[in-house]
């Protein structure tokens, strides 16, 4: 069952990316229409490299507040993958569990809503 679910997800993701590629502009919500169907394409939000933004914040004092804000804490994925296979004392294990509970999984495929 998992194999079929993965295949369906893969096809759905490819279709969403192809339909999104057929739209124009830079709006978050776009529309596409064919002979029989019309669909709304909602593009995913922009993701930012938190590490690079933090470096930029520190490198340009006085300019950082022009378009940067402190909004979220990022995760170093290389270290995160290492932590998931690490064993240690109770404090470390609580930290690992806490970080793992914040993992929401992949975000980012466009969503397609058939309107007609």
PDB file of N, CA and C in Angstrom:
ATOM      1  N   UNK A   1       0.823  -1.189   0.000  1.00  0.00           N
ATOM      2  CA  UNK A   1       0.000   0.000   0.000  1.00  0.00           C
ATOM      3  C   UNK A   1       0.871   1.259   0.000  1.00  0.00           C
ATOM      4  N   UNK A   2       1.974   1.204   0.781  1.00  0.00           N
ATOM      5  CA  UNK A   2       2.859   2.365   0.850  1.00  0.00           C
ATOM      6  C   UNK A   2       3.463   2.673  -0.515  1.00  0.00           C
ATOM      7  N   UNK A   3       3.810   1.642  -1.266  1.00  0.00           N
ATOM      8  CA  UNK A   3       4.386   1.838  -2.597  1.00  0.00           C
ATOM      9  C   UNK A   3       3.409   2.590  -3.500  1.00  0.00           C
ATOM     10  N   UNK A   4       2.149   2.185  -3.483  1.00  0.00           N
ATOM     11  CA  UNK A   4       1.144   2.852  -4.313  1.00  0.00           C
ATOM     12  C   UNK A   4       0.890   4.278  -3.833  1.00  0.00           C
ATOM     13  N   UNK A   5       0.868   4.468  -2.530  1.00  0.00           N
ATOM     14  CA  UNK A   5       0.673   5.817  -1.985  1.00  0.00           C
ATOM     15  C   UNK A   5       1.834   6.726  -2.380  1.00  0.00           C
ATOM     16  N   UNK A   6       3.052   6.202  -2.336  1.00  0.00           N
ATOM     17  CA  UNK A   6       4.228   6.980  -2.743  1.00  0.00           C
ATOM     18  C   UNK A   6       4.182   7.318  -4.229  1.00  0.00           C
ATOM     19  N   UNK A   7       3.755   6.359  -5.057  1.00  0.00           N
ATOM     20  CA  UNK A   7       3.649   6.606  -6.495  1.00  0.00           C
ATOM     21  C   UNK A   7       2.591   7.673  -6.781  1.00  0.00           C
ATOM     22  N   UNK A   8       1.449   7.592  -6.102  1.00  0.00           N
ATOM     23  CA  UNK A   8       0.386   8.588  -6.279  1.00  0.00           C
ATOM     24  C   UNK A   8       0.873   9.968  -5.857  1.00  0.00           C
ATOM     25  N   UNK A   9       1.575  10.037  -4.743  1.00  0.00           N
ATOM     26  CA  UNK A   9       2.113  11.310  -4.265  1.00  0.00           C
ATOM     27  C   UNK A   9       3.101  11.882  -5.273  1.00  0.00           C
ATOM     28  N   UNK A  10       3.947  11.010  -5.836  1.00  0.00           N
ATOM     29  CA  UNK A  10       4.940  11.449  -6.809  1.00  0.00           C
ATOM     30  C   UNK A  10       4.270  12.007  -8.058  1.00  0.00           C
ATOM     31  N   UNK A  11       3.257  11.319  -8.556  1.00  0.00           N
ATOM     32  CA  UNK A  11       2.540  11.790  -9.748  1.00  0.00           C
ATOM     33  C   UNK A  11       1.835  13.108  -9.450  1.00  0.00           C
ATOM     34  N   UNK A  12       1.185  13.183  -8.302  1.00  0.00           N
ATOM     35  CA  UNK A  12       0.477  14.409  -7.920  1.00  0.00           C
ATOM     36  C   UNK A  12       1.455  15.588  -7.818  1.00  0.00           C
ATOM     37  N   UNK A  13       2.634  15.344  -7.244  1.00  0.00           N
ATOM     38  CA  UNK A  13       3.638  16.403  -7.121  1.00  0.00           C
ATOM     39  C   UNK A  13       4.129  16.871  -8.484  1.00  0.00           C
ATOM     40  N   UNK A  14       4.365  15.908  -9.392  1.00  0.00           N
ATOM     41  CA  UNK A  14       4.809  16.280 -10.745  1.00  0.00           C
ATOM     42  C   UNK A  14       3.745  17.083 -11.476  1.00  0.00           C
ATOM     43  N   UNK A  15       2.485  16.670 -11.349  1.00  0.00           N
ATOM     44  CA  UNK A  15       1.393  17.403 -12.004  1.00  0.00           C
ATOM     45  C   UNK A  15       1.309  18.816 -11.449  1.00  0.00           C
ATOM     46  N   UNK A  16       1.402  18.962 -10.131  1.00  0.00           N
ATOM     47  CA  UNK A  16       1.338  20.291  -9.512  1.00  0.00           C
ATOM     48  C   UNK A  16       2.468  21.183 -10.013  1.00  0.00           C
ATOM     49  N   UNK A  17       3.681  20.627 -10.112  1.00  0.00           N
ATOM     50  CA  UNK A  17       4.825  21.419 -10.587  1.00  0.00           C
ATOM     51  C   UNK A  17       4.661  21.802 -12.057  1.00  0.00           C
ATOM     52  N   UNK A  18       4.156  20.880 -12.873  1.00  0.00           N
ATOM     53  CA  UNK A  18       3.942  21.174 -14.293  1.00  0.00           C
ATOM     54  C   UNK A  18       2.889  22.257 -14.457  1.00  0.00           C
ATOM     55  N   UNK A  19       1.769  22.127 -13.739  1.00  0.00           N
ATOM     56  CA  UNK A  19       0.715  23.149 -13.827  1.00  0.00           C
ATOM     57  C   UNK A  19       1.214  24.499 -13.329  1.00  0.00           C
ATOM     58  N   UNK A  20       1.983  24.490 -12.250  1.00  0.00           N
ATOM     59  CA  UNK A  20       2.532  25.747 -11.732  1.00  0.00           C
ATOM     60  C   UNK A  20       3.467  26.380 -12.755  1.00  0.00           C
ATOM     61  N   UNK A  21       4.220  25.550 -13.487  1.00  0.00           N
ATOM     62  CA  UNK A  21       5.124  26.057 -14.513  1.00  0.00           C
ATOM     63  C   UNK A  21       4.397  26.659 -15.701  1.00  0.00           C
ATOM     64  N   UNK A  22       3.143  26.306 -15.874  1.00  0.00           N
ATOM     65  CA  UNK A  22       2.349  26.851 -16.980  1.00  0.00           C
ATOM     66  C   UNK A  22       1.731  28.206 -16.645  1.00  0.00           C
ATOM     67  N   UNK A  23       1.836  28.623 -15.404  1.00  0.00           N
ATOM     68  CA  UNK A  23       1.261  29.910 -15.011  1.00  0.00           C
ATOM     69  C   UNK A  23       2.307  31.006 -15.143  1.00  0.00           C
ATOM     70  N   UNK A  24       1.823  32.233 -15.204  1.00  0.00           N
ATOM     71  CA  UNK A  24       2.704  33.395 -15.322  1.00  0.00           C
ATOM     72  C   UNK A  24       2.621  34.241 -14.063  1.00  0.00           C
ATOM     73  N   UNK A  25       3.607  35.104 -13.924  1.00  0.00           N
ATOM     74  CA  UNK A  25       3.584  36.083 -12.840  1.00  0.00           C
ATOM     75  C   UNK A  25       4.258  35.584 -11.583  1.00  0.00           C
ATOM     76  N   UNK A  26       4.178  36.437 -10.567  1.00  0.00           N
ATOM     77  CA  UNK A  26       4.802  36.093  -9.295  1.00  0.00           C
ATOM     78  C   UNK A  26       3.810  36.140  -8.142  1.00  0.00           C
ATOM     79  N   UNK A  27       2.529  36.109  -8.449  1.00  0.00           N
ATOM     80  CA  UNK A  27       1.499  36.104  -7.406  1.00  0.00           C
ATOM     81  C   UNK A  27       1.476  34.754  -6.702  1.00  0.00           C
ATOM     82  N   UNK A  28       1.019  34.752  -5.467  1.00  0.00           N
ATOM     83  CA  UNK A  28       0.900  33.516  -4.709  1.00  0.00           C
ATOM     84  C   UNK A  28      -0.225  32.640  -5.270  1.00  0.00           C
ATOM     85  N   UNK A  29      -1.352  33.255  -5.621  1.00  0.00           N
ATOM     86  CA  UNK A  29      -2.480  32.525  -6.177  1.00  0.00           C
ATOM     87  C   UNK A  29      -2.596  32.839  -7.661  1.00  0.00           C
ATOM     88  N   UNK A  30      -2.601  31.798  -8.469  1.00  0.00           N
ATOM     89  CA  UNK A  30      -2.679  31.946  -9.920  1.00  0.00           C
ATOM     90  C   UNK A  30      -3.780  31.024 -10.435  1.00  0.00           C
ATOM     91  N   UNK A  31      -4.214  31.253 -11.650  1.00  0.00           N
ATOM     92  CA  UNK A  31      -5.247  30.410 -12.234  1.00  0.00           C
ATOM     93  C   UNK A  31      -4.804  29.903 -13.596  1.00  0.00           C
ATOM     94  N   UNK A  32      -5.259  28.704 -13.932  1.00  0.00           N
ATOM     95  CA  UNK A  32      -4.964  28.100 -15.233  1.00  0.00           C
ATOM     96  C   UNK A  32      -6.266  27.473 -15.736  1.00  0.00           C
ATOM     97  N   UNK A  33      -6.482  27.548 -17.041  1.00  0.00           N
ATOM     98  CA  UNK A  33      -7.724  27.032 -17.596  1.00  0.00           C
ATOM     99  C   UNK A  33      -7.451  26.288 -18.892  1.00  0.00           C
ATOM    100  N   UNK A  34      -8.050  25.116 -19.023  1.00  0.00           N
ATOM    101  CA  UNK A  34      -7.965  24.318 -20.235  1.00  0.00           C
ATOM    102  C   UNK A  34      -9.317  24.252 -20.898  1.00  0.00           C
ATOM    103  N   UNK A  35      -9.503  23.294 -21.779  1.00  0.00           N
ATOM    104  CA  UNK A  35     -10.777  23.161 -22.481  1.00  0.00           C
ATOM    105  C   UNK A  35     -11.891  22.657 -21.564  1.00  0.00           C
ATOM    106  N   UNK A  36     -11.562  21.750 -20.636  1.00  0.00           N
ATOM    107  CA  UNK A  36     -12.591  21.167 -19.781  1.00  0.00           C
ATOM    108  C   UNK A  36     -12.495  21.559 -18.315  1.00  0.00           C
ATOM    109  N   UNK A  37     -11.357  21.979 -17.875  1.00  0.00           N
ATOM    110  CA  UNK A  37     -11.167  22.253 -16.440  1.00  0.00           C
ATOM    111  C   UNK A  37     -10.496  23.587 -16.222  1.00  0.00           C
ATOM    112  N   UNK A  38     -10.759  24.131 -15.063  1.00  0.00           N
ATOM    113  CA  UNK A  38     -10.105  25.355 -14.597  1.00  0.00           C
ATOM    114  C   UNK A  38      -9.577  25.026 -13.204  1.00  0.00           C
ATOM    115  N   UNK A  39      -8.398  25.537 -12.879  1.00  0.00           N
ATOM    116  CA  UNK A  39      -7.806  25.225 -11.579  1.00  0.00           C
ATOM    117  C   UNK A  39      -7.148  26.460 -10.973  1.00  0.00           C
ATOM    118  N   UNK A  40      -7.132  26.469  -9.652  1.00  0.00           N
ATOM    119  CA  UNK A  40      -6.430  27.505  -8.896  1.00  0.00           C
ATOM    120  C   UNK A  40      -5.116  26.890  -8.424  1.00  0.00           C
ATOM    121  N   UNK A  41      -4.024  27.581  -8.658  1.00  0.00           N
ATOM    122  CA  UNK A  41      -2.690  27.109  -8.258  1.00  0.00           C
ATOM    123  C   UNK A  41      -2.195  28.042  -7.164  1.00  0.00           C
ATOM    124  N   UNK A  42      -1.960  27.500  -5.997  1.00  0.00           N
ATOM    125  CA  UNK A  42      -1.437  28.296  -4.878  1.00  0.00           C
ATOM    126  C   UNK A  42       0.019  27.917  -4.674  1.00  0.00           C
ATOM    127  N   UNK A  43       0.881  28.884  -4.883  1.00  0.00           N
ATOM    128  CA  UNK A  43       2.312  28.646  -4.776  1.00  0.00           C
ATOM    129  C   UNK A  43       2.736  28.582  -3.307  1.00  0.00           C
ATOM    130  N   UNK A  44       3.768  27.773  -3.008  1.00  0.00           N
ATOM    131  CA  UNK A  44       4.239  27.688  -1.623  1.00  0.00           C
ATOM    132  C   UNK A  44       4.921  28.982  -1.200  1.00  0.00           C
ATOM    133  N   UNK A  45       4.996  29.180   0.085  1.00  0.00           N
ATOM    134  CA  UNK A  45       5.685  30.353   0.614  1.00  0.00           C
ATOM    135  C   UNK A  45       7.172  30.291   0.338  1.00  0.00           C
ATOM    136  N   UNK A  46       7.815  31.423   0.379  1.00  0.00           N
ATOM    137  CA  UNK A  46       9.256  31.496   0.152  1.00  0.00           C
ATOM    138  C   UNK A  46       9.974  31.028   1.415  1.00  0.00           C
ATOM    139  N   UNK A  47      10.950  30.149   1.245  1.00  0.00           N
ATOM    140  CA  UNK A  47      11.773  29.690   2.363  1.00  0.00           C
ATOM    141  C   UNK A  47      13.093  30.454   2.342  1.00  0.00           C
ATOM    142  N   UNK A  48      13.596  30.794   3.503  1.00  0.00           N
ATOM    143  CA  UNK A  48      14.837  31.561   3.620  1.00  0.00           C
ATOM    144  C   UNK A  48      15.864  30.757   4.370  1.00  0.00           C
ATOM    145  N   UNK A  49      17.114  30.881   3.977  1.00  0.00           N
ATOM    146  CA  UNK A  49      18.232  30.251   4.671  1.00  0.00           C
ATOM    147  C   UNK A  49      18.503  31.076   5.929  1.00  0.00           C
ATOM    148  N   UNK A  50      18.070  30.561   7.069  1.00  0.00           N
ATOM    149  CA  UNK A  50      18.165  31.296   8.319  1.00  0.00           C
ATOM    150  C   UNK A  50      19.613  31.593   8.711  1.00  0.00           C
ATOM    151  N   UNK A  51      20.527  30.675   8.402  1.00  0.00           N
ATOM    152  CA  UNK A  51      21.931  30.860   8.754  1.00  0.00           C
ATOM    153  C   UNK A  51      22.516  32.058   8.003  1.00  0.00           C
ATOM    154  N   UNK A  52      22.227  32.133   6.702  1.00  0.00           N
ATOM    155  CA  UNK A  52      22.733  33.251   5.899  1.00  0.00           C
ATOM    156  C   UNK A  52      22.101  34.569   6.333  1.00  0.00           C
ATOM    157  N   UNK A  53      20.823  34.525   6.675  1.00  0.00           N
ATOM    158  CA  UNK A  53      20.179  35.755   7.153  1.00  0.00           C
ATOM    159  C   UNK A  53      20.796  36.215   8.472  1.00  0.00           C
ATOM    160  N   UNK A  54      21.117  35.261   9.345  1.00  0.00           N
ATOM    161  CA  UNK A  54      21.745  35.611  10.618  1.00  0.00           C
ATOM    162  C   UNK A  54      23.119  36.227  10.385  1.00  0.00           C
ATOM    163  N   UNK A  55      23.874  35.643   9.431  1.00  0.00           N
ATOM    164  CA  UNK A  55      25.184  36.202   9.098  1.00  0.00           C
ATOM    165  C   UNK A  55      25.040  37.625   8.543  1.00  0.00           C
ATOM    166  N   UNK A  56      24.050  37.824   7.690  1.00  0.00           N
ATOM    167  CA  UNK A  56      23.810  39.147   7.114  1.00  0.00           C
ATOM    168  C   UNK A  56      23.435  40.137   8.210  1.00  0.00           C
ATOM    169  N   UNK A  57      22.610  39.700   9.149  1.00  0.00           N
ATOM    170  CA  UNK A  57      22.187  40.541  10.271  1.00  0.00           C
ATOM    171  C   UNK A  57      23.411  41.035  11.045  1.00  0.00           C
ATOM    172  N   UNK A  58      24.344  40.116  11.320  1.00  0.00           N
ATOM    173  CA  UNK A  58      25.535  40.469  12.090  1.00  0.00           C
ATOM    174  C   UNK A  58      26.531  41.295  11.272  1.00  0.00           C
ATOM    175  N   UNK A  59      26.623  41.033   9.982  1.00  0.00           N
ATOM    176  CA  UNK A  59      27.618  41.671   9.126  1.00  0.00           C
ATOM    177  C   UNK A  59      27.296  43.130   8.816  1.00  0.00           C
ATOM    178  N   UNK A  60      26.019  43.489   8.800  1.00  0.00           N
ATOM    179  CA  UNK A  60      25.611  44.838   8.407  1.00  0.00           C
ATOM    180  C   UNK A  60      24.810  45.529   9.505  1.00  0.00           C
ATOM    181  N   UNK A  61      25.471  45.874  10.635  1.00  0.00           N
ATOM    182  CA  UNK A  61      24.743  46.561  11.703  1.00  0.00           C
ATOM    183  C   UNK A  61      24.243  47.924  11.214  1.00  0.00           C
ATOM    184  N   UNK A  62      23.031  48.228  11.576  1.00  0.00           N
ATOM    185  CA  UNK A  62      22.430  49.492  11.152  1.00  0.00           C
ATOM    186  C   UNK A  62      21.568  49.333   9.909  1.00  0.00           C
ATOM    187  N   UNK A  63      21.904  48.376   9.065  1.00  0.00           N
ATOM    188  CA  UNK A  63      21.117  48.129   7.868  1.00  0.00           C
ATOM    189  C   UNK A  63      20.151  46.955   8.042  1.00  0.00           C
ATOM    190  N   UNK A  64      20.408  46.128   9.045  1.00  0.00           N
ATOM    191  CA  UNK A  64      19.643  44.891   9.196  1.00  0.00           C
ATOM    192  C   UNK A  64      18.142  45.117   9.345  1.00  0.00           C
ATOM    193  N   UNK A  65      17.758  46.201   9.982  1.00  0.00           N
ATOM    194  CA  UNK A  65      16.330  46.413  10.234  1.00  0.00           C
ATOM    195  C   UNK A  65      15.579  46.937   9.014  1.00  0.00           C
ATOM    196  N   UNK A  66      16.280  47.201   7.922  1.00  0.00           N
ATOM    197  CA  UNK A  66      15.607  47.700   6.719  1.00  0.00           C
ATOM    198  C   UNK A  66      14.667  46.664   6.123  1.00  0.00           C
ATOM    199  N   UNK A  67      15.062  45.403   6.110  1.00  0.00           N
ATOM    200  CA  UNK A  67      14.163  44.392   5.570  1.00  0.00           C
ATOM    201  C   UNK A  67      14.257  43.057   6.307  1.00  0.00           C
ATOM    202  N   UNK A  68      15.046  42.995   7.361  1.00  0.00           N
ATOM    203  CA  UNK A  68      15.170  41.756   8.125  1.00  0.00           C
ATOM    204  C   UNK A  68      14.467  41.898   9.458  1.00  0.00           C
ATOM    205  N   UNK A  69      13.981  40.783   9.964  1.00  0.00           N
ATOM    206  CA  UNK A  69      13.356  40.775  11.286  1.00  0.00           C
ATOM    207  C   UNK A  69      13.662  39.448  11.953  1.00  0.00           C
ATOM    208  N   UNK A  70      13.618  39.433  13.237  1.00  0.00           N
ATOM    209  CA  UNK A  70      13.828  38.195  13.979  1.00  0.00           C
ATOM    210  C   UNK A  70      12.469  37.524  14.075  1.00  0.00           C
ATOM    211  N   UNK A  71      12.316  36.421  13.330  1.00  0.00           N
ATOM    212  CA  UNK A  71      11.015  35.782  13.265  1.00  0.00           C
ATOM    213  C   UNK A  71      11.050  34.290  13.606  1.00  0.00           C
ATOM    214  N   UNK A  72      12.154  33.610  13.333  1.00  0.00           N
ATOM    215  CA  UNK A  72      12.182  32.181  13.594  1.00  0.00           C
ATOM    216  C   UNK A  72      13.601  31.695  13.829  1.00  0.00           C
ATOM    217  N   UNK A  73      13.682  30.539  14.434  1.00  0.00           N
ATOM    218  CA  UNK A  73      14.962  29.886  14.647  1.00  0.00           C
ATOM    219  C   UNK A  73      15.054  28.761  13.630  1.00  0.00           C
ATOM    220  N   UNK A  74      16.163  28.705  12.912  1.00  0.00           N
ATOM    221  CA  UNK A  74      16.344  27.667  11.911  1.00  0.00           C
ATOM    222  C   UNK A  74      17.047  26.446  12.485  1.00  0.00           C
ATOM    223  N   UNK A  75      17.140  25.405  11.690  1.00  0.00           N
ATOM    224  CA  UNK A  75      17.770  24.155  12.101  1.00  0.00           C
ATOM    225  C   UNK A  75      18.866  23.807  11.098  1.00  0.00           C
ATOM    226  N   UNK A  76      20.053  23.478  11.585  1.00  0.00           N
ATOM    227  CA  UNK A  76      21.141  22.993  10.752  1.00  0.00           C
ATOM    228  C   UNK A  76      20.846  21.516  10.465  1.00  0.00           C
ATOM    229  N   UNK A  77      20.433  21.204   9.229  1.00  0.00           N
ATOM    230  CA  UNK A  77      19.975  19.861   8.903  1.00  0.00           C
ATOM    231  C   UNK A  77      21.072  18.804   8.993  1.00  0.00           C
ATOM    232  N   UNK A  78      22.328  19.163   8.710  1.00  0.00           N
ATOM    233  CA  UNK A  78      23.428  18.197   8.834  1.00  0.00           C
ATOM    234  C   UNK A  78      23.558  17.769  10.297  1.00  0.00           C
ATOM    235  N   UNK A  79      23.589  18.734  11.186  1.00  0.00           N
ATOM    236  CA  UNK A  79      23.701  18.421  12.618  1.00  0.00           C
ATOM    237  C   UNK A  79      22.437  17.733  13.140  1.00  0.00           C
ATOM    238  N   UNK A  80      21.288  18.128  12.605  1.00  0.00           N
ATOM    239  CA  UNK A  80      20.011  17.509  13.006  1.00  0.00           C
ATOM    240  C   UNK A  80      20.020  16.017  12.674  1.00  0.00           C
ATOM    241  N   UNK A  81      20.496  15.661  11.473  1.00  0.00           N
ATOM    242  CA  UNK A  81      20.563  14.250  11.085  1.00  0.00           C
ATOM    243  C   UNK A  81      21.508  13.484  12.007  1.00  0.00           C
ATOM    244  N   UNK A  82      22.602  14.121  12.412  1.00  0.00           N
ATOM    245  CA  UNK A  82      23.535  13.477  13.346  1.00  0.00           C
ATOM    246  C   UNK A  82      22.874  13.278  14.710  1.00  0.00           C
ATOM    247  N   UNK A  83      22.137  14.301  15.163  1.00  0.00           N
ATOM    248  CA  UNK A  83      21.490  14.219  16.479  1.00  0.00           C
ATOM    249  C   UNK A  83      20.474  13.081  16.542  1.00  0.00           C
ATOM    250  N   UNK A  84      19.777  12.841  15.431  1.00  0.00           N
ATOM    251  CA  UNK A  84      18.739  11.809  15.423  1.00  0.00           C
ATOM    252  C   UNK A  84      19.303  10.421  15.706  1.00  0.00           C
ATOM    253  N   UNK A  85      20.602  10.230  15.472  1.00  0.00           N
ATOM    254  CA  UNK A  85      21.218   8.926  15.725  1.00  0.00           C
ATOM    255  C   UNK A  85      22.180   8.971  16.908  1.00  0.00           C
ATOM    256  N   UNK A  86      22.087  10.000  17.723  1.00  0.00           N
ATOM    257  CA  UNK A  86      22.980  10.168  18.873  1.00  0.00           C
ATOM    258  C   UNK A  86      22.265   9.734  20.155  1.00  0.00           C
ATOM    259  N   UNK A  87      23.007   9.106  21.039  1.00  0.00           N
ATOM    260  CA  UNK A  87      22.501   8.728  22.356  1.00  0.00           C
ATOM    261  C   UNK A  87      23.345   9.425  23.402  1.00  0.00           C
ATOM    262  N   UNK A  88      22.700   9.899  24.470  1.00  0.00           N
ATOM    263  CA  UNK A  88      23.434  10.598  25.516  1.00  0.00           C
ATOM    264  C   UNK A  88      22.643  10.651  26.800  1.00  0.00           C
ATOM    265  N   UNK A  89      23.011  11.614  27.641  1.00  0.00           N
ATOM    266  CA  UNK A  89      22.349  11.771  28.924  1.00  0.00           C
ATOM    267  C   UNK A  89      20.925  12.284  28.785  1.00  0.00           C
ATOM    268  N   UNK A  90      20.205  12.371  29.906  1.00  0.00           N
ATOM    269  CA  UNK A  90      18.802  12.759  29.864  1.00  0.00           C
ATOM    270  C   UNK A  90      18.566  14.171  29.311  1.00  0.00           C
ATOM    271  N   UNK A  91      19.465  15.092  29.607  1.00  0.00           N
ATOM    272  CA  UNK A  91      19.283  16.459  29.102  1.00  0.00           C
ATOM    273  C   UNK A  91      19.427  16.484  27.585  1.00  0.00           C
ATOM    274  N   UNK A  92      20.449  15.801  27.071  1.00  0.00           N
ATOM    275  CA  UNK A  92      20.639  15.735  25.623  1.00  0.00           C
ATOM    276  C   UNK A  92      19.465  15.037  24.954  1.00  0.00           C
ATOM    277  N   UNK A  93      18.982  13.958  25.538  1.00  0.00           N
ATOM    278  CA  UNK A  93      17.871  13.215  24.945  1.00  0.00           C
ATOM    279  C   UNK A  93      16.590  14.061  24.947  1.00  0.00           C
ATOM    280  N   UNK A  94      16.377  14.848  25.990  1.00  0.00           N
ATOM    281  CA  UNK A  94      15.221  15.760  26.015  1.00  0.00           C
ATOM    282  C   UNK A  94      15.345  16.818  24.931  1.00  0.00           C
ATOM    283  N   UNK A  95      16.573  17.333  24.740  1.00  0.00           N
ATOM    284  CA  UNK A  95      16.813  18.325  23.697  1.00  0.00           C
ATOM    285  C   UNK A  95      16.516  17.736  22.326  1.00  0.00           C
ATOM    286  N   UNK A  96      17.036  16.520  22.072  1.00  0.00           N
ATOM    287  CA  UNK A  96      16.815  15.867  20.784  1.00  0.00           C
ATOM    288  C   UNK A  96      15.323  15.642  20.549  1.00  0.00           C
ATOM    289  N   UNK A  97      14.628  15.158  21.558  1.00  0.00           N
ATOM    290  CA  UNK A  97      13.187  14.919  21.424  1.00  0.00           C
ATOM    291  C   UNK A  97      12.435  16.212  21.141  1.00  0.00           C
ATOM    292  N   UNK A  98      12.851  17.278  21.792  1.00  0.00           N
ATOM    293  CA  UNK A  98      12.207  18.570  21.598  1.00  0.00           C
ATOM    294  C   UNK A  98      12.405  19.088  20.175  1.00  0.00           C
ATOM    295  N   UNK A  99      13.641  18.966  19.670  1.00  0.00           N
ATOM    296  CA  UNK A  99      13.920  19.407  18.301  1.00  0.00           C
ATOM    297  C   UNK A  99      13.164  18.537  17.307  1.00  0.00           C
ATOM    298  N   UNK A 100      13.155  17.223  17.536  1.00  0.00           N
ATOM    299  CA  UNK A 100      12.453  16.313  16.623  1.00  0.00           C
ATOM    300  C   UNK A 100      10.954  16.583  16.604  1.00  0.00           C
ATOM    301  N   UNK A 101      10.401  17.010  17.722  1.00  0.00           N
ATOM    302  CA  UNK A 101       8.962  17.294  17.753  1.00  0.00           C
ATOM    303  C   UNK A 101       8.607  18.546  16.962  1.00  0.00           C
ATOM    304  N   UNK A 102       9.600  19.381  16.691  1.00  0.00           N
ATOM    305  CA  UNK A 102       9.358  20.599  15.906  1.00  0.00           C
ATOM    306  C   UNK A 102       9.427  20.355  14.401  1.00  0.00           C
ATOM    307  N   UNK A 103       9.879  19.164  13.999  1.00  0.00           N
ATOM    308  CA  UNK A 103      10.027  18.825  12.581  1.00  0.00           C
ATOM    309  C   UNK A 103       8.644  18.620  11.967  1.00  0.00           C
ATOM    310  N   UNK A 104       8.248  19.507  11.064  1.00  0.00           N
ATOM    311  CA  UNK A 104       6.945  19.417  10.411  1.00  0.00           C
ATOM    312  C   UNK A 104       7.012  18.694   9.073  1.00  0.00           C
ATOM    313  N   UNK A 105       8.173  18.236   8.687  1.00  0.00           N
ATOM    314  CA  UNK A 105       8.305  17.551   7.412  1.00  0.00           C
ATOM    315  C   UNK A 105       8.453  18.536   6.272  1.00  0.00           C
ATOM    316  N   UNK A 106       8.491  17.999   5.053  1.00  0.00           N
ATOM    317  CA  UNK A 106       8.681  18.858   3.894  1.00  0.00           C
ATOM    318  C   UNK A 106       7.449  19.712   3.659  1.00  0.00           C
ATOM    319  N   UNK A 107       7.693  20.945   3.338  1.00  0.00           N
ATOM    320  CA  UNK A 107       6.652  21.907   2.997  1.00  0.00           C
ATOM    321  C   UNK A 107       6.994  22.448   1.632  1.00  0.00           C
ATOM    322  N   UNK A 108       6.038  22.680   0.764  1.00  0.00           N
ATOM    323  CA  UNK A 108       6.446  23.389  -0.406  1.00  0.00           C
ATOM    324  C   UNK A 108       5.887  23.058  -1.760  1.00  0.00           C
ATOM    325  N   UNK A 109       5.119  21.999  -1.944  1.00  0.00           N
ATOM    326  CA  UNK A 109       4.549  21.769  -3.255  1.00  0.00           C
ATOM    327  C   UNK A 109       3.361  22.699  -3.463  1.00  0.00           C
ATOM    328  N   UNK A 110       3.160  23.142  -4.682  1.00  0.00           N
ATOM    329  CA  UNK A 110       1.979  23.944  -4.955  1.00  0.00           C
ATOM    330  C   UNK A 110       0.728  23.087  -4.734  1.00  0.00           C
ATOM    331  N   UNK A 111      -0.342  23.711  -4.286  1.00  0.00           N
ATOM    332  CA  UNK A 111      -1.596  22.964  -4.163  1.00  0.00           C
ATOM    333  C   UNK A 111      -2.479  23.325  -5.355  1.00  0.00           C
ATOM    334  N   UNK A 112      -3.204  22.360  -5.858  1.00  0.00           N
ATOM    335  CA  UNK A 112      -4.061  22.543  -7.017  1.00  0.00           C
ATOM    336  C   UNK A 112      -5.507  22.315  -6.593  1.00  0.00           C
ATOM    337  N   UNK A 113      -6.367  23.272  -6.926  1.00  0.00           N
ATOM    338  CA  UNK A 113      -7.803  23.134  -6.664  1.00  0.00           C
ATOM    339  C   UNK A 113      -8.531  23.219  -7.985  1.00  0.00           C
ATOM    340  N   UNK A 114      -9.217  22.135  -8.368  1.00  0.00           N
ATOM    341  CA  UNK A 114      -9.992  22.146  -9.606  1.00  0.00           C
ATOM    342  C   UNK A 114     -11.245  22.955  -9.344  1.00  0.00           C
ATOM    343  N   UNK A 115     -11.478  23.966 -10.154  1.00  0.00           N
ATOM    344  CA  UNK A 115     -12.604  24.865  -9.928  1.00  0.00           C
ATOM    345  C   UNK A 115     -13.811  24.575 -10.805  1.00  0.00           C
ATOM    346  N   UNK A 116     -13.619  23.819 -11.860  1.00  0.00           N
ATOM    347  CA  UNK A 116     -14.731  23.592 -12.779  1.00  0.00           C
ATOM    348  C   UNK A 116     -14.763  22.157 -13.203  1.00  0.00           C
TER     349      UNK A 116
END
